[in-house]
């Protein structure tokens, strides 16, 4: 079955833009197929998407020029191109579901958010979500084991991203007159933490003080997976 059997448009109903990353190398499509397969999602040579052997959809690759033209035509801004840890557009992958939308939301789409990092676009009306964007977080996240969405909101990329995030939070605390040391810890949860209490005028700062402070970080925005109307 061909993806175009689901509609007349030359573009699939939804597509996600793939931004360059150090791990991709020269062949972004092979990289994407491999990374998805590691997580149990198989892109078949016949255009099928399978989750642990169950057919859940059909896919189509868009080359770089085709992806860029589609974005320009639909006036979709790639916000993440302003992120210092993101590279240029490599291409895109489009898809159509084979059964329930929940099948894609349960496996393929969450993985694709992490791998693509470019916008997810709905072709019919040019609606889109930016899965990586600047987000204002409460500084209170740094005192919580499950802060920053249990660490899931923070970008999982090589380089100095987490160190930069640590410095940003530290700067907000110092600007507010708080004494605290923000550090990175090895954990399966939130890695951005304060060791000990934050002090204000020599006394432990209340949770309200930390809650009202905000720090802006490049991060994952998972709302697209919760917006049923987008799909």
Protein backbone atom coordinates (compact mmCIF):
# COMPACT_ATOMS: atom_id res chain seq x y z
CA UNK A 1 0.00 0.00 0.00
CA UNK A 2 1.22 3.49 -0.83
CA UNK A 3 0.83 6.45 1.52
CA UNK A 4 -0.84 8.45 -1.25
CA UNK A 5 -3.71 5.93 -1.29
CA UNK A 6 -4.95 7.75 1.83
CA UNK A 7 -5.51 11.07 0.01
CA UNK A 8 -4.88 13.13 -3.10
CA UNK A 9 -2.21 15.45 -1.69
CA UNK A 10 1.38 14.85 -2.69
CA UNK A 11 2.27 15.59 0.93
CA UNK A 12 1.26 13.25 3.76
CA UNK A 13 -1.34 14.44 6.30
CA UNK A 14 1.38 15.05 8.89
CA UNK A 15 5.15 15.33 8.66
CA UNK A 16 8.03 16.01 11.03
CA UNK A 17 11.16 17.91 10.05
CA UNK A 18 14.51 16.31 10.83
CA UNK A 19 17.19 18.73 12.04
CA UNK A 20 20.86 17.88 11.82
CA UNK A 21 22.60 16.36 14.83
CA UNK A 22 26.19 15.14 15.31
CA UNK A 23 25.06 11.51 15.45
CA UNK A 24 23.29 11.53 12.10
CA UNK A 25 26.22 11.47 9.70
CA UNK A 26 25.82 11.64 5.91
CA UNK A 27 22.72 9.39 5.62
CA UNK A 28 19.90 10.82 7.73
CA UNK A 29 17.30 8.33 6.51
CA UNK A 30 19.41 5.31 7.44
CA UNK A 31 20.11 6.90 10.82
CA UNK A 32 16.40 7.47 11.47
CA UNK A 33 15.47 3.92 10.46
CA UNK A 34 18.17 2.55 12.77
CA UNK A 35 17.21 4.73 15.75
CA UNK A 36 13.54 3.85 15.45
CA UNK A 37 14.36 0.13 15.14
CA UNK A 38 16.33 0.29 18.39
CA UNK A 39 13.06 1.32 20.05
CA UNK A 40 10.93 -1.38 18.42
CA UNK A 41 9.52 0.76 15.59
CA UNK A 42 10.32 -0.59 12.12
CA UNK A 43 10.17 1.41 8.90
CA UNK A 44 9.77 -1.16 6.14
CA UNK A 45 11.11 -0.86 2.63
CA UNK A 46 7.47 -1.08 1.50
CA UNK A 47 6.58 2.12 3.34
CA UNK A 48 5.03 0.47 6.39
CA UNK A 49 5.46 1.47 10.03
CA UNK A 50 5.34 -1.42 12.50
CA UNK A 51 5.48 -1.36 16.29
CA UNK A 52 6.89 -4.68 17.50
CA UNK A 53 5.43 -6.43 14.45
CA UNK A 54 2.03 -4.67 14.44
CA UNK A 55 1.19 -2.43 11.47
CA UNK A 56 0.41 1.09 12.76
CA UNK A 57 0.96 3.32 9.73
CA UNK A 58 2.64 4.18 6.46
CA UNK A 59 5.49 6.62 5.95
CA UNK A 60 7.11 8.76 3.27
CA UNK A 61 10.49 10.51 3.30
CA UNK A 62 10.78 14.09 2.09
CA UNK A 63 14.15 15.25 0.80
CA UNK A 64 15.67 18.47 2.13
CA UNK A 65 14.52 20.68 -0.76
CA UNK A 66 11.00 19.25 -0.65
CA UNK A 67 10.76 19.74 3.11
CA UNK A 68 12.04 23.32 2.92
CA UNK A 69 9.62 24.14 0.10
CA UNK A 70 6.69 22.73 2.07
CA UNK A 71 7.64 24.78 5.13
CA UNK A 72 7.98 27.94 3.06
CA UNK A 73 4.65 27.39 1.29
CA UNK A 74 2.85 26.77 4.58
CA UNK A 75 4.68 29.61 6.35
CA UNK A 76 5.94 27.34 9.11
CA UNK A 77 8.77 28.78 11.20
CA UNK A 78 11.44 26.32 12.37
CA UNK A 79 12.01 27.84 15.80
CA UNK A 80 14.64 25.29 16.77
CA UNK A 81 17.01 26.56 14.05
CA UNK A 82 17.79 29.36 16.52
CA UNK A 83 18.89 26.80 19.11
CA UNK A 84 22.71 26.57 19.30
CA UNK A 85 22.53 22.78 19.69
CA UNK A 86 20.49 22.22 16.51
CA UNK A 87 21.71 21.96 12.95
CA UNK A 88 20.06 22.73 9.59
CA UNK A 89 17.17 20.86 8.02
CA UNK A 90 18.11 17.44 6.63
CA UNK A 91 14.68 16.34 5.40
CA UNK A 92 11.37 15.18 6.82
CA UNK A 93 9.27 12.09 7.40
CA UNK A 94 5.54 12.05 6.78
CA UNK A 95 3.03 9.44 7.80
CA UNK A 96 -0.59 8.33 7.81
CA UNK A 97 -2.07 6.00 10.40
CA UNK A 98 -3.14 2.47 9.55
CA UNK A 99 -5.48 2.07 12.50
CA UNK A 100 -6.04 4.03 15.69
CA UNK A 101 -4.17 7.28 16.29
CA UNK A 102 -3.37 5.97 19.77
CA UNK A 103 -1.13 3.33 18.17
CA UNK A 104 1.15 6.05 16.76
CA UNK A 105 0.96 8.12 19.96
CA UNK A 106 2.03 5.12 22.01
CA UNK A 107 5.30 4.44 20.21
CA UNK A 108 6.25 6.12 16.92
CA UNK A 109 5.43 9.76 17.71
CA UNK A 110 7.10 10.12 21.14
CA UNK A 111 10.31 8.68 19.71
CA UNK A 112 10.05 10.94 16.67
CA UNK A 113 9.85 14.04 18.88
CA UNK A 114 13.27 13.22 20.31
CA UNK A 115 14.79 12.26 16.98
CA UNK A 116 13.40 14.94 14.66
CA UNK A 117 13.50 18.10 16.85
CA UNK A 118 11.99 20.07 13.97
CA UNK A 119 8.32 21.09 13.68
CA UNK A 120 5.45 18.64 13.35
CA UNK A 121 3.13 19.94 10.63
CA UNK A 122 -0.48 19.19 9.69
CA UNK A 123 -0.66 19.57 5.92
CA UNK A 124 -4.39 20.37 5.60
CA UNK A 125 -4.23 23.74 7.37
CA UNK A 126 -0.49 24.34 8.03
CA UNK A 127 -1.00 23.96 11.81
CA UNK A 128 2.23 22.98 13.52
CA UNK A 129 3.91 22.32 16.83
CA UNK A 130 7.54 23.05 17.70
CA UNK A 131 8.72 20.09 19.79
CA UNK A 132 11.91 21.97 20.70
CA UNK A 133 11.49 25.59 21.74
CA UNK A 134 12.32 28.07 24.50
CA UNK A 135 10.20 27.35 27.58
CA UNK A 136 9.94 29.30 30.84
CA UNK A 137 10.23 26.94 33.82
CA UNK A 138 9.73 27.61 37.49
CA UNK A 139 13.08 27.51 39.29
CA UNK A 140 11.36 25.31 41.86
CA UNK A 141 12.07 22.43 39.45
CA UNK A 142 15.69 22.30 40.65
CA UNK A 143 14.71 21.21 44.16
CA UNK A 144 12.53 18.36 42.93
CA UNK A 145 13.64 14.84 42.08
CA UNK A 146 10.93 14.74 39.40
CA UNK A 147 11.41 18.34 38.25
CA UNK A 148 11.48 19.32 34.57
CA UNK A 149 8.98 16.57 33.82
CA UNK A 150 11.17 14.00 35.60
CA UNK A 151 14.00 15.26 33.41
CA UNK A 152 12.08 14.47 30.20
CA UNK A 153 11.70 18.15 29.29
CA UNK A 154 15.46 18.71 29.15
CA UNK A 155 17.15 18.04 25.82
CA UNK A 156 19.08 14.77 25.66
CA UNK A 157 21.88 15.93 23.40
CA UNK A 158 25.67 15.72 23.53
CA UNK A 159 27.72 18.78 24.32
CA UNK A 160 27.35 21.47 26.93
CA UNK A 161 23.56 21.85 26.96
CA UNK A 162 23.09 20.70 30.56
CA UNK A 163 26.03 22.79 31.74
CA UNK A 164 24.45 25.80 30.04
CA UNK A 165 21.10 25.05 31.70
CA UNK A 166 22.86 24.80 35.04
CA UNK A 167 24.50 28.19 34.51
CA UNK A 168 21.18 29.77 33.51
CA UNK A 169 19.45 28.63 36.68
CA UNK A 170 22.44 29.73 38.76
CA UNK A 171 22.28 33.19 37.21
CA UNK A 172 18.55 33.54 37.99
CA UNK A 173 19.14 32.58 41.62
CA UNK A 174 22.02 35.00 42.03
CA UNK A 175 20.08 37.82 40.39
CA UNK A 176 17.29 37.22 42.92
CA UNK A 177 19.77 37.44 45.80
CA UNK A 178 19.63 33.75 46.65
CA UNK A 179 22.61 31.66 47.72
CA UNK A 180 22.57 28.17 46.23
CA UNK A 181 24.78 25.89 44.20
CA UNK A 182 23.14 24.35 41.14
CA UNK A 183 24.84 21.19 39.94
CA UNK A 184 24.39 18.21 37.65
CA UNK A 185 23.85 14.77 39.13
CA UNK A 186 23.88 11.29 37.62
CA UNK A 187 20.29 10.09 37.80
CA UNK A 188 17.45 8.58 35.81
CA UNK A 189 15.30 11.52 36.91
CA UNK A 190 15.91 15.28 36.98
CA UNK A 191 19.69 15.90 36.63
CA UNK A 192 19.54 19.64 37.37
CA UNK A 193 19.48 20.06 41.14
CA UNK A 194 20.34 22.28 44.09
CA UNK A 195 22.50 20.68 46.75
CA UNK A 196 21.02 21.72 50.07
CA UNK A 197 18.61 24.62 50.64
CA UNK A 198 18.61 27.93 48.81
CA UNK A 199 19.34 30.76 51.26
CA UNK A 200 17.89 34.25 51.28
CA UNK A 201 19.48 36.70 53.75
CA UNK A 202 21.07 33.74 55.51
CA UNK A 203 17.76 31.87 55.95
CA UNK A 204 16.24 29.07 53.93
CA UNK A 205 14.16 30.51 51.10
CA UNK A 206 10.52 29.48 51.00
CA UNK A 207 9.17 27.31 48.20
CA UNK A 208 7.02 30.27 47.11
CA UNK A 209 10.16 32.31 46.37
CA UNK A 210 11.59 29.59 44.13
CA UNK A 211 8.22 28.91 42.51
CA UNK A 212 7.84 32.51 41.39
CA UNK A 213 11.27 32.67 39.76
CA UNK A 214 11.52 31.51 36.17
CA UNK A 215 14.35 30.36 33.93
CA UNK A 216 14.04 30.09 30.14
CA UNK A 217 15.64 27.05 28.53
CA UNK A 218 15.60 25.29 25.20
CA UNK A 219 13.56 22.17 25.95
CA UNK A 220 11.13 19.58 24.62
CA UNK A 221 7.49 20.65 24.43
CA UNK A 222 5.42 17.48 24.76
CA UNK A 223 2.04 19.19 24.37
CA UNK A 224 1.65 18.04 20.77
CA UNK A 225 1.22 14.46 22.01
CA UNK A 226 -1.61 15.57 24.30
CA UNK A 227 -3.53 17.63 21.73
CA UNK A 228 -6.00 15.19 20.22
CA UNK A 229 -7.35 17.85 17.85
CA UNK A 230 -3.97 18.16 16.12
CA UNK A 231 -4.12 14.57 14.93
